[in-house]
Structure formats: structure tokens, C-alpha cells
Amino acid sequence: MSVLSVAEVVREAAKDELGAEIDVTLVENPRAAETMVEEFSVDTSKAREILSWVPSKCVKMSVQQLLSTQ
């Protein structure tokens, strides 16, 4: 997921869980010159293969759980 996608999930969860309206704005990365790659993808295939690991929750469920404990 992109940072903006995660921010949208948080925005939606804040509305659902807390009744809060928040704005999500994409801003220029002030450290863009220090970044060595364009994308930061996560590959969990080795964890799945070696450890038989599977994620137990999606990002949306995790954010909702975090906000509901507030």
C-alpha cells in the first residue's frame, strides 16, 4: 500500500471509530533527495515459505483496532 492509501484507511477509520473528520493531503517529501528508491514494497513470501507465516489482519482491521482502544 502507498502512504496515501494508508492515510485514507486511517481517515475512514477515524470517521467510523471516532466520528472524527480529518483531511488527508499529499505533500512533497522533504527528504526525497536522500531516498535511494522510488517505491518501498514489502515482500512477505520468504516469511510465508520459511516460517509458514501469514498475516492475521489487514491494514484496515489493524487501524480500526488501534483507534477503538483510544
C-alpha atoms as a PDB file:
ATOM      1  CA  MET A   1       0.000   0.000   0.000  1.00  0.00           C
ATOM      2  CA  SER A   2       1.122   3.522  -0.645  1.00  0.00           C
ATOM      3  CA  VAL A   3       1.444   6.035   2.165  1.00  0.00           C
ATOM      4  CA  LEU A   4      -1.549   7.875   0.728  1.00  0.00           C
ATOM      5  CA  SER A   5      -3.599   4.641   0.725  1.00  0.00           C
ATOM      6  CA  VAL A   6      -2.763   4.032   4.381  1.00  0.00           C
ATOM      7  CA  ALA A   7      -3.654   7.647   5.179  1.00  0.00           C
ATOM      8  CA  GLU A   8      -7.038   7.145   3.501  1.00  0.00           C
ATOM      9  CA  VAL A   9      -7.619   3.986   5.585  1.00  0.00           C
ATOM     10  CA  VAL A  10      -6.800   5.961   8.739  1.00  0.00           C
ATOM     11  CA  ARG A  11      -9.129   8.795   7.630  1.00  0.00           C
ATOM     12  CA  GLU A  12     -12.011   6.381   7.055  1.00  0.00           C
ATOM     13  CA  ALA A  13     -11.370   4.514  10.321  1.00  0.00           C
ATOM     14  CA  ALA A  14     -11.209   7.794  12.281  1.00  0.00           C
ATOM     15  CA  LYS A  15     -14.600   8.727  10.904  1.00  0.00           C
ATOM     16  CA  ASP A  16     -16.100   5.295  11.627  1.00  0.00           C
ATOM     17  CA  GLU A  17     -14.500   4.650  15.028  1.00  0.00           C
ATOM     18  CA  LEU A  18     -14.207   8.170  16.474  1.00  0.00           C
ATOM     19  CA  GLY A  19     -16.647  10.243  14.447  1.00  0.00           C
ATOM     20  CA  ALA A  20     -13.714  12.483  13.531  1.00  0.00           C
ATOM     21  CA  GLU A  21     -13.324  14.144  10.147  1.00  0.00           C
ATOM     22  CA  ILE A  22      -9.692  14.513   9.120  1.00  0.00           C
ATOM     23  CA  ASP A  23      -8.169  15.796   5.901  1.00  0.00           C
ATOM     24  CA  VAL A  24      -5.532  13.841   4.017  1.00  0.00           C
ATOM     25  CA  THR A  25      -3.136  15.899   1.920  1.00  0.00           C
ATOM     26  CA  LEU A  26      -0.246  14.583  -0.121  1.00  0.00           C
ATOM     27  CA  VAL A  27       2.810  16.776   0.419  1.00  0.00           C
ATOM     28  CA  GLU A  28       6.249  16.850  -1.154  1.00  0.00           C
ATOM     29  CA  ASN A  29       8.730  14.559   0.595  1.00  0.00           C
ATOM     30  CA  PRO A  30      11.304  16.904   2.183  1.00  0.00           C
ATOM     31  CA  ARG A  31      13.855  14.073   2.207  1.00  0.00           C
ATOM     32  CA  ALA A  32      13.293  12.973  -1.411  1.00  0.00           C
ATOM     33  CA  ALA A  33      16.942  13.629  -2.294  1.00  0.00           C
ATOM     34  CA  GLU A  34      18.012  11.112   0.377  1.00  0.00           C
ATOM     35  CA  THR A  35      15.737   8.350  -0.885  1.00  0.00           C
ATOM     36  CA  MET A  36      17.541   5.705  -2.907  1.00  0.00           C
ATOM     37  CA  VAL A  37      14.470   4.025  -4.402  1.00  0.00           C
ATOM     38  CA  GLU A  38      11.155   5.199  -5.798  1.00  0.00           C
ATOM     39  CA  GLU A  39       8.991   2.521  -4.153  1.00  0.00           C
ATOM     40  CA  PHE A  40       9.134   0.659  -0.876  1.00  0.00           C
ATOM     41  CA  SER A  41       7.378  -2.611  -1.494  1.00  0.00           C
ATOM     42  CA  VAL A  42       7.125  -5.323   1.128  1.00  0.00           C
ATOM     43  CA  ASP A  43       7.598  -8.934   0.088  1.00  0.00           C
ATOM     44  CA  THR A  44       6.494 -11.429   2.728  1.00  0.00           C
ATOM     45  CA  SER A  45       6.944 -14.505   0.540  1.00  0.00           C
ATOM     46  CA  LYS A  46      10.081 -15.699   2.400  1.00  0.00           C
ATOM     47  CA  ALA A  47       8.320 -15.434   5.756  1.00  0.00           C
ATOM     48  CA  ARG A  48       5.429 -17.400   4.317  1.00  0.00           C
ATOM     49  CA  GLU A  49       7.745 -20.003   2.785  1.00  0.00           C
ATOM     50  CA  ILE A  50      10.230 -20.481   5.640  1.00  0.00           C
ATOM     51  CA  LEU A  51       8.079 -19.729   8.687  1.00  0.00           C
ATOM     52  CA  SER A  52       4.647 -20.617   7.317  1.00  0.00           C
ATOM     53  CA  TRP A  53       3.662 -17.117   8.418  1.00  0.00           C
ATOM     54  CA  VAL A  54       0.506 -15.471   7.196  1.00  0.00           C
ATOM     55  CA  PRO A  55      -0.788 -12.061   8.229  1.00  0.00           C
ATOM     56  CA  SER A  56      -3.636 -12.326  10.694  1.00  0.00           C
ATOM     57  CA  LYS A  57      -5.086  -8.864   9.974  1.00  0.00           C
ATOM     58  CA  CYS A  58      -5.194  -6.422   7.111  1.00  0.00           C
ATOM     59  CA  VAL A  59      -4.124  -2.791   7.480  1.00  0.00           C
ATOM     60  CA  LYS A  60      -7.728  -1.589   7.759  1.00  0.00           C
ATOM     61  CA  MET A  61      -8.520  -4.003  10.618  1.00  0.00           C
ATOM     62  CA  SER A  62      -5.305  -3.066  12.442  1.00  0.00           C
ATOM     63  CA  VAL A  63      -6.031   0.666  12.194  1.00  0.00           C
ATOM     64  CA  GLN A  64      -9.617   0.154  13.359  1.00  0.00           C
ATOM     65  CA  GLN A  65      -8.390  -1.854  16.348  1.00  0.00           C
ATOM     66  CA  LEU A  66      -5.833   0.820  17.258  1.00  0.00           C
ATOM     67  CA  LEU A  67      -8.429   3.580  17.100  1.00  0.00           C
ATOM     68  CA  SER A  68     -11.080   1.661  19.003  1.00  0.00           C
ATOM     69  CA  THR A  69      -8.738   1.353  22.015  1.00  0.00           C
ATOM     70  CA  GLN A  70      -8.428   5.162  22.263  1.00  0.00           C
END
